[in-house]
Each structure stands twice: as structure tokens, then as C-alpha cells.
Amino acid sequence: MNDRIRQLAEQANVLEIEHYDNESALEMFAELILRECISKYDEWAEHSTDKTSFHMARHNIKKHFGVDK
């Protein structure tokens, strides 16, 4: 498992076997991965000449997955 994925799984408490059936822990894990992807996306946008497209795509991804923050 990728180190960053492991860190996110630990933050969401999904590495412990009894948490696998915990829907809120799995939801948190998915949200942490999504936030990590958006953060990386923001880094790429900083170096782009077409920031509008990056910001629009970021907004649409967050809206699609229901992440407001």
C-alpha cells in the first residue's frame, strides 16, 4: 500500500479490521483521498497558464462528490 494511502487510511481508522464495516470511517477515508487529489490538482493549477479551467474542474469534482470544503 502506498505510504500516503496508508496515512489516510490510518486517519480514517479503516486499517483496523473492526472498522471495515463502519460506513462513516469508509466515507472519511474516501473524502481524505478526494481532498488529497484536489490538493495535488491545486498544485498543478499553480503552474498552469489556464488557471480558469483548473479551478472550474476542481469545483466540478468537489460538487460531484459533495465535498464543500
PDB file of N, CA and C in Angstrom:
ATOM      1  N   MET A   1       0.847  -1.176   0.000  1.00  0.00           N
ATOM      2  CA  MET A   1       0.000   0.000   0.000  1.00  0.00           C
ATOM      3  C   MET A   1       0.895   1.242   0.000  1.00  0.00           C
ATOM      4  N   ASN A   2       0.561   2.202  -0.819  1.00  0.00           N
ATOM      5  CA  ASN A   2       1.256   3.474  -0.888  1.00  0.00           C
ATOM      6  C   ASN A   2       1.284   4.120   0.498  1.00  0.00           C
ATOM      7  N   ASP A   3       2.423   4.741   0.854  1.00  0.00           N
ATOM      8  CA  ASP A   3       2.557   5.350   2.186  1.00  0.00           C
ATOM      9  C   ASP A   3       1.494   6.411   2.452  1.00  0.00           C
ATOM     10  N   ARG A   4       1.188   7.231   1.456  1.00  0.00           N
ATOM     11  CA  ARG A   4       0.198   8.288   1.663  1.00  0.00           C
ATOM     12  C   ARG A   4      -1.195   7.696   1.836  1.00  0.00           C
ATOM     13  N   ILE A   5      -1.515   6.651   1.055  1.00  0.00           N
ATOM     14  CA  ILE A   5      -2.806   5.968   1.195  1.00  0.00           C
ATOM     15  C   ILE A   5      -2.898   5.364   2.600  1.00  0.00           C
ATOM     16  N   ARG A   6      -1.806   4.776   3.071  1.00  0.00           N
ATOM     17  CA  ARG A   6      -1.784   4.189   4.419  1.00  0.00           C
ATOM     18  C   ARG A   6      -2.028   5.270   5.471  1.00  0.00           C
ATOM     19  N   GLN A   7      -1.392   6.428   5.320  1.00  0.00           N
ATOM     20  CA  GLN A   7      -1.583   7.522   6.273  1.00  0.00           C
ATOM     21  C   GLN A   7      -3.049   7.963   6.302  1.00  0.00           C
ATOM     22  N   LEU A   8      -3.648   8.077   5.119  1.00  0.00           N
ATOM     23  CA  LEU A   8      -5.053   8.479   5.062  1.00  0.00           C
ATOM     24  C   LEU A   8      -5.956   7.415   5.676  1.00  0.00           C
ATOM     25  N   ALA A   9      -5.642   6.151   5.416  1.00  0.00           N
ATOM     26  CA  ALA A   9      -6.422   5.058   6.000  1.00  0.00           C
ATOM     27  C   ALA A   9      -6.310   5.071   7.520  1.00  0.00           C
ATOM     28  N   GLU A  10      -5.117   5.374   8.027  1.00  0.00           N
ATOM     29  CA  GLU A  10      -4.933   5.467   9.475  1.00  0.00           C
ATOM     30  C   GLU A  10      -5.743   6.626  10.048  1.00  0.00           C
ATOM     31  N   GLN A  11      -5.756   7.769   9.350  1.00  0.00           N
ATOM     32  CA  GLN A  11      -6.532   8.914   9.819  1.00  0.00           C
ATOM     33  C   GLN A  11      -8.018   8.580   9.884  1.00  0.00           C
ATOM     34  N   ALA A  12      -8.485   7.773   8.939  1.00  0.00           N
ATOM     35  CA  ALA A  12      -9.912   7.422   8.883  1.00  0.00           C
ATOM     36  C   ALA A  12     -10.227   6.171   9.704  1.00  0.00           C
ATOM     37  N   ASN A  13      -9.217   5.575  10.333  1.00  0.00           N
ATOM     38  CA  ASN A  13      -9.383   4.364  11.145  1.00  0.00           C
ATOM     39  C   ASN A  13      -9.937   3.180  10.357  1.00  0.00           C
ATOM     40  N   VAL A  14      -9.518   3.011   9.104  1.00  0.00           N
ATOM     41  CA  VAL A  14     -10.011   1.877   8.327  1.00  0.00           C
ATOM     42  C   VAL A  14      -9.004   0.730   8.242  1.00  0.00           C
ATOM     43  N   LEU A  15      -7.841   0.884   8.835  1.00  0.00           N
ATOM     44  CA  LEU A  15      -6.864  -0.199   8.808  1.00  0.00           C
ATOM     45  C   LEU A  15      -7.161  -1.265   9.856  1.00  0.00           C
ATOM     46  N   GLU A  16      -7.858  -0.878  10.902  1.00  0.00           N
ATOM     47  CA  GLU A  16      -8.219  -1.844  11.923  1.00  0.00           C
ATOM     48  C   GLU A  16      -9.397  -2.663  11.414  1.00  0.00           C
ATOM     49  N   ILE A  17      -9.319  -3.958  11.501  1.00  0.00           N
ATOM     50  CA  ILE A  17     -10.292  -4.859  10.886  1.00  0.00           C
ATOM     51  C   ILE A  17     -11.726  -4.586  11.351  1.00  0.00           C
ATOM     52  N   GLU A  18     -11.921  -4.202  12.614  1.00  0.00           N
ATOM     53  CA  GLU A  18     -13.286  -3.972  13.106  1.00  0.00           C
ATOM     54  C   GLU A  18     -13.913  -2.718  12.499  1.00  0.00           C
ATOM     55  N   HIS A  19     -13.116  -1.881  11.871  1.00  0.00           N
ATOM     56  CA  HIS A  19     -13.660  -0.657  11.276  1.00  0.00           C
ATOM     57  C   HIS A  19     -14.091  -0.835   9.822  1.00  0.00           C
ATOM     58  N   TYR A  20     -13.802  -1.986   9.209  1.00  0.00           N
ATOM     59  CA  TYR A  20     -14.134  -2.165   7.798  1.00  0.00           C
ATOM     60  C   TYR A  20     -15.626  -2.037   7.520  1.00  0.00           C
ATOM     61  N   ASP A  21     -16.460  -2.389   8.475  1.00  0.00           N
ATOM     62  CA  ASP A  21     -17.898  -2.291   8.278  1.00  0.00           C
ATOM     63  C   ASP A  21     -18.451  -0.946   8.739  1.00  0.00           C
ATOM     64  N   ASN A  22     -17.585  -0.088   9.201  1.00  0.00           N
ATOM     65  CA  ASN A  22     -18.007   1.213   9.698  1.00  0.00           C
ATOM     66  C   ASN A  22     -18.140   2.178   8.517  1.00  0.00           C
ATOM     67  N   GLU A  23     -19.367   2.469   8.126  1.00  0.00           N
ATOM     68  CA  GLU A  23     -19.620   3.296   6.953  1.00  0.00           C
ATOM     69  C   GLU A  23     -19.015   4.687   7.082  1.00  0.00           C
ATOM     70  N   SER A  24     -19.070   5.279   8.264  1.00  0.00           N
ATOM     71  CA  SER A  24     -18.525   6.629   8.418  1.00  0.00           C
ATOM     72  C   SER A  24     -17.010   6.642   8.258  1.00  0.00           C
ATOM     73  N   ALA A  25     -16.324   5.597   8.707  1.00  0.00           N
ATOM     74  CA  ALA A  25     -14.870   5.513   8.542  1.00  0.00           C
ATOM     75  C   ALA A  25     -14.513   5.370   7.066  1.00  0.00           C
ATOM     76  N   LEU A  26     -15.273   4.566   6.332  1.00  0.00           N
ATOM     77  CA  LEU A  26     -15.008   4.404   4.904  1.00  0.00           C
ATOM     78  C   LEU A  26     -15.305   5.702   4.155  1.00  0.00           C
ATOM     79  N   GLU A  27     -16.368   6.396   4.565  1.00  0.00           N
ATOM     80  CA  GLU A  27     -16.697   7.670   3.942  1.00  0.00           C
ATOM     81  C   GLU A  27     -15.588   8.686   4.197  1.00  0.00           C
ATOM     82  N   MET A  28     -15.070   8.715   5.418  1.00  0.00           N
ATOM     83  CA  MET A  28     -13.978   9.619   5.775  1.00  0.00           C
ATOM     84  C   MET A  28     -12.738   9.295   4.950  1.00  0.00           C
ATOM     85  N   PHE A  29     -12.438   8.013   4.791  1.00  0.00           N
ATOM     86  CA  PHE A  29     -11.287   7.579   4.006  1.00  0.00           C
ATOM     87  C   PHE A  29     -11.414   8.067   2.561  1.00  0.00           C
ATOM     88  N   ALA A  30     -12.580   7.879   1.973  1.00  0.00           N
ATOM     89  CA  ALA A  30     -12.812   8.322   0.593  1.00  0.00           C
ATOM     90  C   ALA A  30     -12.676   9.839   0.486  1.00  0.00           C
ATOM     91  N   GLU A  31     -13.199  10.565   1.471  1.00  0.00           N
ATOM     92  CA  GLU A  31     -13.121  12.017   1.451  1.00  0.00           C
ATOM     93  C   GLU A  31     -11.676  12.487   1.586  1.00  0.00           C
ATOM     94  N   LEU A  32     -10.900  11.823   2.431  1.00  0.00           N
ATOM     95  CA  LEU A  32      -9.487  12.188   2.584  1.00  0.00           C
ATOM     96  C   LEU A  32      -8.726  11.977   1.284  1.00  0.00           C
ATOM     97  N   ILE A  33      -9.012  10.884   0.590  1.00  0.00           N
ATOM     98  CA  ILE A  33      -8.354  10.641  -0.701  1.00  0.00           C
ATOM     99  C   ILE A  33      -8.760  11.717  -1.692  1.00  0.00           C
ATOM    100  N   LEU A  34     -10.035  12.037  -1.740  1.00  0.00           N
ATOM    101  CA  LEU A  34     -10.505  13.074  -2.652  1.00  0.00           C
ATOM    102  C   LEU A  34      -9.843  14.412  -2.352  1.00  0.00           C
ATOM    103  N   ARG A  35      -9.760  14.762  -1.088  1.00  0.00           N
ATOM    104  CA  ARG A  35      -9.123  16.032  -0.708  1.00  0.00           C
ATOM    105  C   ARG A  35      -7.644  16.046  -1.103  1.00  0.00           C
ATOM    106  N   GLU A  36      -6.986  14.907  -0.949  1.00  0.00           N
ATOM    107  CA  GLU A  36      -5.581  14.788  -1.337  1.00  0.00           C
ATOM    108  C   GLU A  36      -5.438  15.007  -2.846  1.00  0.00           C
ATOM    109  N   CYS A  37      -6.341  14.436  -3.613  1.00  0.00           N
ATOM    110  CA  CYS A  37      -6.314  14.607  -5.071  1.00  0.00           C
ATOM    111  C   CYS A  37      -6.555  16.072  -5.443  1.00  0.00           C
ATOM    112  N   ILE A  38      -7.508  16.704  -4.790  1.00  0.00           N
ATOM    113  CA  ILE A  38      -7.796  18.105  -5.075  1.00  0.00           C
ATOM    114  C   ILE A  38      -6.603  18.981  -4.703  1.00  0.00           C
ATOM    115  N   SER A  39      -5.950  18.658  -3.611  1.00  0.00           N
ATOM    116  CA  SER A  39      -4.771  19.407  -3.199  1.00  0.00           C
ATOM    117  C   SER A  39      -3.677  19.297  -4.258  1.00  0.00           C
ATOM    118  N   LYS A  40      -3.461  18.095  -4.770  1.00  0.00           N
ATOM    119  CA  LYS A  40      -2.466  17.885  -5.815  1.00  0.00           C
ATOM    120  C   LYS A  40      -2.871  18.640  -7.079  1.00  0.00           C
ATOM    121  N   TYR A  41      -4.138  18.603  -7.389  1.00  0.00           N
ATOM    122  CA  TYR A  41      -4.683  19.317  -8.535  1.00  0.00           C
ATOM    123  C   TYR A  41      -4.406  20.814  -8.411  1.00  0.00           C
ATOM    124  N   ASP A  42      -4.593  21.353  -7.200  1.00  0.00           N
ATOM    125  CA  ASP A  42      -4.320  22.771  -6.952  1.00  0.00           C
ATOM    126  C   ASP A  42      -2.850  23.104  -7.202  1.00  0.00           C
ATOM    127  N   GLU A  43      -1.962  22.191  -6.836  1.00  0.00           N
ATOM    128  CA  GLU A  43      -0.532  22.400  -7.089  1.00  0.00           C
ATOM    129  C   GLU A  43      -0.272  22.503  -8.590  1.00  0.00           C
ATOM    130  N   TRP A  44      -0.894  21.618  -9.368  1.00  0.00           N
ATOM    131  CA  TRP A  44      -0.722  21.648 -10.827  1.00  0.00           C
ATOM    132  C   TRP A  44      -1.261  22.950 -11.398  1.00  0.00           C
ATOM    133  N   ALA A  45      -2.399  23.414 -10.868  1.00  0.00           N
ATOM    134  CA  ALA A  45      -3.031  24.637 -11.374  1.00  0.00           C
ATOM    135  C   ALA A  45      -2.122  25.851 -11.181  1.00  0.00           C
ATOM    136  N   GLU A  46      -1.338  25.845 -10.103  1.00  0.00           N
ATOM    137  CA  GLU A  46      -0.437  26.963  -9.838  1.00  0.00           C
ATOM    138  C   GLU A  46       0.555  27.164 -10.973  1.00  0.00           C
ATOM    139  N   HIS A  47       0.904  26.086 -11.656  1.00  0.00           N
ATOM    140  CA  HIS A  47       1.909  26.145 -12.710  1.00  0.00           C
ATOM    141  C   HIS A  47       1.295  26.196 -14.103  1.00  0.00           C
ATOM    142  N   SER A  48       0.002  26.333 -14.177  1.00  0.00           N
ATOM    143  CA  SER A  48      -0.692  26.356 -15.460  1.00  0.00           C
ATOM    144  C   SER A  48      -0.952  27.783 -15.918  1.00  0.00           C
ATOM    145  N   THR A  49      -0.977  27.956 -17.219  1.00  0.00           N
ATOM    146  CA  THR A  49      -1.335  29.266 -17.761  1.00  0.00           C
ATOM    147  C   THR A  49      -2.848  29.404 -17.882  1.00  0.00           C
ATOM    148  N   ASP A  50      -3.569  28.276 -17.777  1.00  0.00           N
ATOM    149  CA  ASP A  50      -5.028  28.277 -17.898  1.00  0.00           C
ATOM    150  C   ASP A  50      -5.655  27.930 -16.552  1.00  0.00           C
ATOM    151  N   LYS A  51      -5.495  28.826 -15.588  1.00  0.00           N
ATOM    152  CA  LYS A  51      -5.985  28.580 -14.230  1.00  0.00           C
ATOM    153  C   LYS A  51      -7.506  28.463 -14.163  1.00  0.00           C
ATOM    154  N   THR A  52      -8.212  29.140 -15.043  1.00  0.00           N
ATOM    155  CA  THR A  52      -9.674  29.096 -15.033  1.00  0.00           C
ATOM    156  C   THR A  52     -10.182  27.677 -15.240  1.00  0.00           C
ATOM    157  N   SER A  53      -9.605  26.966 -16.194  1.00  0.00           N
ATOM    158  CA  SER A  53     -10.028  25.584 -16.456  1.00  0.00           C
ATOM    159  C   SER A  53      -9.752  24.692 -15.255  1.00  0.00           C
ATOM    160  N   PHE A  54      -8.593  24.861 -14.627  1.00  0.00           N
ATOM    161  CA  PHE A  54      -8.258  24.072 -13.451  1.00  0.00           C
ATOM    162  C   PHE A  54      -9.246  24.338 -12.320  1.00  0.00           C
ATOM    163  N   HIS A  55      -9.557  25.606 -12.091  1.00  0.00           N
ATOM    164  CA  HIS A  55     -10.463  25.945 -10.993  1.00  0.00           C
ATOM    165  C   HIS A  55     -11.890  25.464 -11.271  1.00  0.00           C
ATOM    166  N   MET A  56     -12.306  25.529 -12.511  1.00  0.00           N
ATOM    167  CA  MET A  56     -13.629  25.041 -12.881  1.00  0.00           C
ATOM    168  C   MET A  56     -13.699  23.521 -12.685  1.00  0.00           C
ATOM    169  N   ALA A  57     -12.677  22.820 -13.121  1.00  0.00           N
ATOM    170  CA  ALA A  57     -12.638  21.363 -12.957  1.00  0.00           C
ATOM    171  C   ALA A  57     -12.621  21.002 -11.470  1.00  0.00           C
ATOM    172  N   ARG A  58     -11.833  21.730 -10.681  1.00  0.00           N
ATOM    173  CA  ARG A  58     -11.765  21.483  -9.230  1.00  0.00           C
ATOM    174  C   ARG A  58     -13.150  21.658  -8.609  1.00  0.00           C
ATOM    175  N   HIS A  59     -13.816  22.729  -8.963  1.00  0.00           N
ATOM    176  CA  HIS A  59     -15.164  22.992  -8.448  1.00  0.00           C
ATOM    177  C   HIS A  59     -16.128  21.858  -8.826  1.00  0.00           C
ATOM    178  N   ASN A  60     -16.074  21.430 -10.072  1.00  0.00           N
ATOM    179  CA  ASN A  60     -16.970  20.371 -10.546  1.00  0.00           C
ATOM    180  C   ASN A  60     -16.699  19.028  -9.866  1.00  0.00           C
ATOM    181  N   ILE A  61     -15.440  18.730  -9.629  1.00  0.00           N
ATOM    182  CA  ILE A  61     -15.089  17.482  -8.929  1.00  0.00           C
ATOM    183  C   ILE A  61     -15.635  17.519  -7.504  1.00  0.00           C
ATOM    184  N   LYS A  62     -15.420  18.619  -6.802  1.00  0.00           N
ATOM    185  CA  LYS A  62     -15.910  18.750  -5.430  1.00  0.00           C
ATOM    186  C   LYS A  62     -17.438  18.683  -5.390  1.00  0.00           C
ATOM    187  N   LYS A  63     -18.077  19.328  -6.332  1.00  0.00           N
ATOM    188  CA  LYS A  63     -19.545  19.321  -6.396  1.00  0.00           C
ATOM    189  C   LYS A  63     -20.051  17.906  -6.657  1.00  0.00           C
ATOM    190  N   HIS A  64     -19.409  17.207  -7.587  1.00  0.00           N
ATOM    191  CA  HIS A  64     -19.828  15.843  -7.943  1.00  0.00           C
ATOM    192  C   HIS A  64     -19.762  14.908  -6.728  1.00  0.00           C
ATOM    193  N   PHE A  65     -18.707  15.059  -5.921  1.00  0.00           N
ATOM    194  CA  PHE A  65     -18.524  14.180  -4.767  1.00  0.00           C
ATOM    195  C   PHE A  65     -19.118  14.754  -3.484  1.00  0.00           C
ATOM    196  N   GLY A  66     -19.697  15.958  -3.551  1.00  0.00           N
ATOM    197  CA  GLY A  66     -20.351  16.536  -2.380  1.00  0.00           C
ATOM    198  C   GLY A  66     -19.393  16.986  -1.301  1.00  0.00           C
ATOM    199  N   VAL A  67     -18.224  17.455  -1.689  1.00  0.00           N
ATOM    200  CA  VAL A  67     -17.249  17.950  -0.726  1.00  0.00           C
ATOM    201  C   VAL A  67     -17.289  19.469  -0.769  1.00  0.00           C
ATOM    202  N   ASP A  68     -17.742  20.087   0.316  1.00  0.00           N
ATOM    203  CA  ASP A  68     -17.918  21.544   0.301  1.00  0.00           C
ATOM    204  C   ASP A  68     -16.666  22.306   0.690  1.00  0.00           C
ATOM    205  N   LYS A  69     -15.765  21.693   1.421  1.00  0.00           N
ATOM    206  CA  LYS A  69     -14.627  22.438   1.978  1.00  0.00           C
ATOM    207  C   LYS A  69     -13.469  22.448   1.025  1.00  0.00           C
TER     208      LYS A  69
END
